[in-house]
Amino acid sequence: NSLTLLHPADLADLLEHLEGEDRISVFSILAPERAGEVLAQISPPIQESLTNDLDDQRLIQILNELDSDDATDIFSHLPRQRSEDIIRLLHPEAREELKRLIGYETDTAGGIMALEFVSVNADSAIREAIEKIREKSQEVEKLYYVWVVDDRGRLVGVVSMKDLLLEPIDTKINDIMKTEVISVDVGTDQEEVARIVKQYDLTHVPVVNGQHKLIGRITNDDIIDVIDEEASEDISLMAGVLDQEL
C-alpha cells in the first residue's frame, strides 16, 4: 500500500484536503498505531471532526497506541458522555495517563506535556541507566538526555546520552550529571514554555510539580504546535480589530 510509504505529516496533509467520507475511507485503511501518528499531525479543527466521525472501537484502538499528550489532545474533542464511555474501555495504563492529564488546563505545561520520559536515580550507575533506557525504548522517542532524580523523585540533574556511552559503565550518575537543568512548573503558561524552549534552544524540557518532582516532559514538536496555535490566535485577533476599524 503506497499510503504506508508516506510520512505521517504528509498523510495528514493529504487527509486535510479530502472531504468527509473520502477522509474516513482513507483513514480506515491505516493500522491503529499509524492512524494515531497521522491523527496527531492533523490540524485541530479537522482532527476534531475526524475524531467524532470514528466509531468507538476504532477510536479506542488509536488512543491505546498514542503517546499520552497526543491521546489527551484527541480525547479532549469528545463530547462529555462519549468521553466517559470511551475512557472506561481503554487499556488501564492509557486510562490512568488520560485521567492524570485531563485535569490540567489545556494551555499550561501540564496540558501539553507527555508522561513518557526516562529518569534515573542520582545514586545509580551508568549500567542501570542503560537498562532503563532499553526498557523505555519503545515508549520514549527522540531520547537525547536522561533526567536525574533523587530518592523522592525530585529533579536534580541531567545527563547526556553521549556521556552515558563514553564513560565507564560502573560510573555513578552523580559524578557525570549536570545540576544546572532547566525545567518548567506544571502550571506554567504554554507561551512561557515556548519562550524558554526557544531561548535555551532545548529539544525537550522537563515538567515538575510544586514539590519539584519530575512528572512529565514537553518536546519541541509540542512547542511548534503551541507557536502555531498562538500565531493563529494573534492573526484572528488582528483580523477582528481590522474589521472593527473598517
Protein backbone atom coordinates (compact mmCIF):
# COMPACT_ATOMS: atom_id res chain seq x y z
CA ASN A 1 0.00 0.00 0.00
CA SER A 2 1.53 3.32 -1.11
CA LEU A 3 -0.03 5.09 1.89
CA THR A 4 2.29 3.23 4.24
CA LEU A 5 5.29 4.81 2.49
CA LEU A 6 4.17 8.36 3.26
CA HIS A 7 5.40 10.26 6.33
CA PRO A 8 2.59 10.79 8.90
CA ALA A 9 2.76 14.56 8.30
CA ASP A 10 2.30 14.04 4.54
CA LEU A 11 -0.60 11.68 5.16
CA ALA A 12 -2.15 14.24 7.49
CA ASP A 13 -1.83 16.89 4.77
CA LEU A 14 -3.48 14.53 2.27
CA LEU A 15 -6.40 13.84 4.61
CA GLU A 16 -6.92 17.54 5.27
CA HIS A 17 -7.53 18.07 1.56
CA LEU A 18 -10.15 15.31 1.33
CA GLU A 19 -13.87 15.62 2.01
CA GLY A 20 -15.54 13.87 4.97
CA GLU A 21 -16.40 10.43 3.54
CA ASP A 22 -13.21 10.18 1.48
CA ARG A 23 -11.19 11.18 4.54
CA ILE A 24 -12.77 8.43 6.63
CA SER A 25 -12.27 5.86 3.84
CA VAL A 26 -8.54 6.59 3.54
CA PHE A 27 -8.09 6.81 7.31
CA SER A 28 -9.81 3.44 7.85
CA ILE A 29 -7.09 1.68 5.84
CA LEU A 30 -4.38 2.64 8.35
CA ALA A 31 -3.31 0.39 11.21
CA PRO A 32 -4.17 1.82 14.67
CA GLU A 33 -0.62 2.91 15.52
CA ARG A 34 -0.16 4.54 12.11
CA ALA A 35 -3.61 6.12 12.31
CA GLY A 36 -2.72 7.63 15.68
CA GLU A 37 0.51 9.13 14.34
CA VAL A 38 -1.41 10.71 11.46
CA LEU A 39 -4.32 11.94 13.59
CA ALA A 40 -1.88 13.66 15.94
CA GLN A 41 -0.45 15.61 12.97
CA ILE A 42 -3.79 16.85 11.62
CA SER A 43 -4.86 20.46 12.30
CA PRO A 44 -7.20 20.81 15.34
CA PRO A 45 -10.49 21.57 13.51
CA ILE A 46 -10.17 18.58 11.17
CA GLN A 47 -8.75 16.45 13.98
CA GLU A 48 -11.90 17.17 15.98
CA SER A 49 -14.17 16.37 13.04
CA LEU A 50 -12.37 13.13 12.24
CA THR A 51 -12.25 12.07 15.90
CA ASN A 52 -16.01 12.45 16.25
CA ASP A 53 -16.61 10.53 13.00
CA LEU A 54 -14.71 7.45 14.21
CA ASP A 55 -16.60 4.59 15.81
CA ASP A 56 -15.81 3.71 19.44
CA GLN A 57 -13.80 0.57 18.73
CA ARG A 58 -11.54 2.33 16.22
CA LEU A 59 -11.04 5.34 18.49
CA ILE A 60 -10.19 3.12 21.48
CA GLN A 61 -7.58 1.24 19.41
CA ILE A 62 -5.96 4.54 18.41
CA LEU A 63 -5.99 6.08 21.90
CA ASN A 64 -4.37 2.93 23.32
CA GLU A 65 -1.46 3.35 20.87
CA LEU A 66 -0.82 7.08 21.23
CA ASP A 67 1.62 8.90 23.49
CA SER A 68 -0.21 10.37 26.47
CA ASP A 69 -0.06 14.02 25.30
CA ASP A 70 -1.40 13.23 21.81
CA ALA A 71 -4.10 10.96 23.26
CA THR A 72 -5.20 13.77 25.59
CA ASP A 73 -5.46 16.26 22.71
CA ILE A 74 -7.67 13.89 20.72
CA PHE A 75 -9.72 12.82 23.75
CA SER A 76 -10.46 16.49 24.52
CA HIS A 77 -12.52 16.73 21.30
CA LEU A 78 -15.12 14.24 22.52
CA PRO A 79 -18.49 15.23 23.99
CA ARG A 80 -18.68 14.59 27.73
CA GLN A 81 -20.92 11.49 27.65
CA ARG A 82 -18.91 9.80 24.91
CA SER A 83 -15.61 10.60 26.64
CA GLU A 84 -16.89 8.95 29.82
CA ASP A 85 -17.90 5.84 27.86
CA ILE A 86 -14.60 5.67 25.96
CA ILE A 87 -12.28 6.14 28.93
CA ARG A 88 -13.82 3.15 30.74
CA LEU A 89 -12.92 0.89 27.81
CA LEU A 90 -9.29 1.95 27.39
CA HIS A 91 -6.29 -0.12 28.39
CA PRO A 92 -5.70 0.51 32.15
CA GLU A 93 -2.36 2.26 31.56
CA ALA A 94 -3.77 4.55 28.87
CA ARG A 95 -6.81 5.24 31.06
CA GLU A 96 -4.69 6.29 34.05
CA GLU A 97 -2.50 8.54 31.88
CA LEU A 98 -5.54 10.27 30.42
CA LYS A 99 -7.10 10.79 33.84
CA ARG A 100 -3.88 12.42 35.03
CA LEU A 101 -3.53 14.75 32.06
CA ILE A 102 -7.11 15.89 31.51
CA GLY A 103 -7.01 17.51 34.95
CA TYR A 104 -4.63 20.21 33.74
CA GLU A 105 -5.56 23.39 31.89
CA THR A 106 -5.01 22.86 28.17
CA ASP A 107 -2.83 25.97 27.75
CA THR A 108 -0.36 25.10 30.53
CA ALA A 109 2.75 22.92 30.70
CA GLY A 110 0.59 20.21 32.27
CA GLY A 111 -1.83 20.38 29.37
CA ILE A 112 0.81 19.84 26.68
CA MET A 113 3.26 17.54 28.47
CA ALA A 114 3.70 13.80 27.91
CA LEU A 115 4.06 11.30 30.73
CA GLU A 116 6.56 9.19 28.78
CA PHE A 117 10.12 10.01 29.83
CA VAL A 118 13.29 8.38 31.16
CA SER A 119 14.72 9.28 34.55
CA VAL A 120 17.41 7.64 36.68
CA ASN A 121 18.37 7.92 40.31
CA ALA A 122 21.44 10.05 41.05
CA ASP A 123 22.94 7.21 43.09
CA SER A 124 22.65 4.65 40.29
CA ALA A 125 25.40 3.65 37.86
CA ILE A 126 25.50 4.10 34.09
CA ARG A 127 24.80 0.37 33.78
CA GLU A 128 21.39 0.83 35.42
CA ALA A 129 20.63 3.91 33.33
CA ILE A 130 21.26 1.98 30.11
CA GLU A 131 18.95 -0.82 31.30
CA LYS A 132 16.26 1.78 31.99
CA ILE A 133 16.68 3.28 28.52
CA ARG A 134 16.32 -0.17 26.94
CA GLU A 135 13.12 -0.77 28.91
CA LYS A 136 11.66 2.54 27.72
CA SER A 137 12.99 2.46 24.13
CA GLN A 138 9.59 1.68 22.58
CA GLU A 139 7.79 4.19 24.76
CA VAL A 140 10.10 7.22 24.55
CA GLU A 141 11.26 8.60 21.20
CA LYS A 142 13.90 11.25 20.47
CA LEU A 143 15.94 10.50 23.58
CA TYR A 144 18.98 12.78 23.79
CA TYR A 145 19.15 13.39 27.52
CA VAL A 146 18.18 11.46 30.63
CA TRP A 147 16.93 13.35 33.66
CA VAL A 148 18.23 12.56 37.11
CA VAL A 149 16.09 12.40 40.25
CA ASP A 150 16.73 11.87 43.95
CA ASP A 151 15.09 9.23 46.15
CA ARG A 152 11.92 11.38 46.38
CA GLY A 153 11.63 11.76 42.60
CA ARG A 154 12.76 15.39 42.62
CA LEU A 155 14.63 16.65 39.57
CA VAL A 156 18.29 17.20 40.47
CA GLY A 157 20.19 16.99 37.19
CA VAL A 158 20.56 15.86 33.60
CA VAL A 159 22.99 13.57 31.79
CA SER A 160 23.52 13.34 28.04
CA MET A 161 23.36 10.14 26.03
CA LYS A 162 26.89 10.92 24.84
CA ASP A 163 28.24 10.83 28.41
CA LEU A 164 26.36 7.61 29.14
CA LEU A 165 28.02 5.97 26.16
CA LEU A 166 31.55 7.31 26.66
CA GLU A 167 32.02 6.94 30.42
CA PRO A 168 32.86 3.60 32.13
CA ILE A 169 29.71 1.56 32.73
CA ASP A 170 30.12 1.47 36.52
CA THR A 171 30.45 5.27 36.83
CA LYS A 172 27.91 6.84 39.17
CA ILE A 173 25.37 9.18 37.58
CA ASN A 174 26.13 11.63 40.38
CA ASP A 175 29.68 12.01 39.09
CA ILE A 176 28.78 12.92 35.50
CA MET A 177 25.42 14.68 35.69
CA LYS A 178 24.96 18.42 35.25
CA THR A 179 22.99 20.03 38.05
CA GLU A 180 22.04 23.11 36.01
CA VAL A 181 18.87 21.77 34.41
CA ILE A 182 16.11 23.99 33.05
CA SER A 183 12.59 22.90 33.94
CA VAL A 184 9.08 24.35 33.97
CA ASP A 185 6.35 24.14 36.57
CA VAL A 186 3.26 22.16 35.60
CA GLY A 187 1.14 25.31 35.80
CA THR A 188 3.38 27.46 33.55
CA ASP A 189 1.54 29.04 30.62
CA GLN A 190 2.33 27.36 27.29
CA GLU A 191 3.55 30.65 25.79
CA GLU A 192 6.14 30.96 28.55
CA VAL A 193 7.18 27.33 27.98
CA ALA A 194 7.66 28.12 24.28
CA ARG A 195 9.76 31.17 25.15
CA ILE A 196 12.01 29.12 27.46
CA VAL A 197 12.49 26.34 24.90
CA LYS A 198 13.36 28.89 22.22
CA GLN A 199 15.67 30.95 24.44
CA TYR A 200 17.72 27.96 25.58
CA ASP A 201 17.43 26.01 22.29
CA LEU A 202 16.04 22.91 24.03
CA THR A 203 14.97 19.69 22.32
CA HIS A 204 12.67 18.96 25.25
CA VAL A 205 12.04 20.34 28.71
CA PRO A 206 11.16 18.53 31.96
CA VAL A 207 7.96 19.41 33.84
CA VAL A 208 7.91 19.45 37.63
CA ASN A 209 5.18 19.88 40.25
CA GLY A 210 5.13 22.10 43.32
CA GLN A 211 7.49 19.74 45.17
CA HIS A 212 9.89 19.83 42.19
CA LYS A 213 9.09 16.19 41.41
CA LEU A 214 9.58 15.22 37.77
CA ILE A 215 6.17 14.40 36.28
CA GLY A 216 6.47 14.83 32.50
CA ARG A 217 8.29 16.24 29.50
CA ILE A 218 7.48 18.63 26.68
CA THR A 219 9.13 18.03 23.31
CA ASN A 220 9.95 20.70 20.74
CA ASP A 221 7.29 19.41 18.33
CA ASP A 222 4.71 20.25 21.03
CA ILE A 223 6.24 23.72 21.22
CA ILE A 224 5.90 24.15 17.44
CA ASP A 225 2.20 23.34 17.85
CA VAL A 226 1.93 25.98 20.59
CA ILE A 227 3.65 28.61 18.42
CA ASP A 228 1.31 27.80 15.51
CA GLU A 229 -1.72 27.97 17.81
CA GLU A 230 -0.69 31.30 19.32
CA ALA A 231 0.09 32.73 15.87
CA SER A 232 -3.37 31.70 14.63
CA GLU A 233 -4.97 33.38 17.65
CA ASP A 234 -2.97 36.57 17.02
CA ILE A 235 -3.99 36.61 13.35
CA SER A 236 -7.66 36.12 14.29
CA LEU A 237 -7.40 38.92 16.85
CA MET A 238 -5.76 41.26 14.34
CA ALA A 239 -8.44 40.46 11.76
CA GLY A 240 -11.14 41.27 14.32
CA VAL A 241 -9.51 44.61 15.17
CA LEU A 242 -9.21 45.50 11.47
CA ASP A 243 -12.87 44.63 10.90
CA GLN A 244 -13.87 46.95 13.74
CA GLU A 245 -11.70 49.78 12.37
CA LEU A 246 -13.15 49.38 8.89
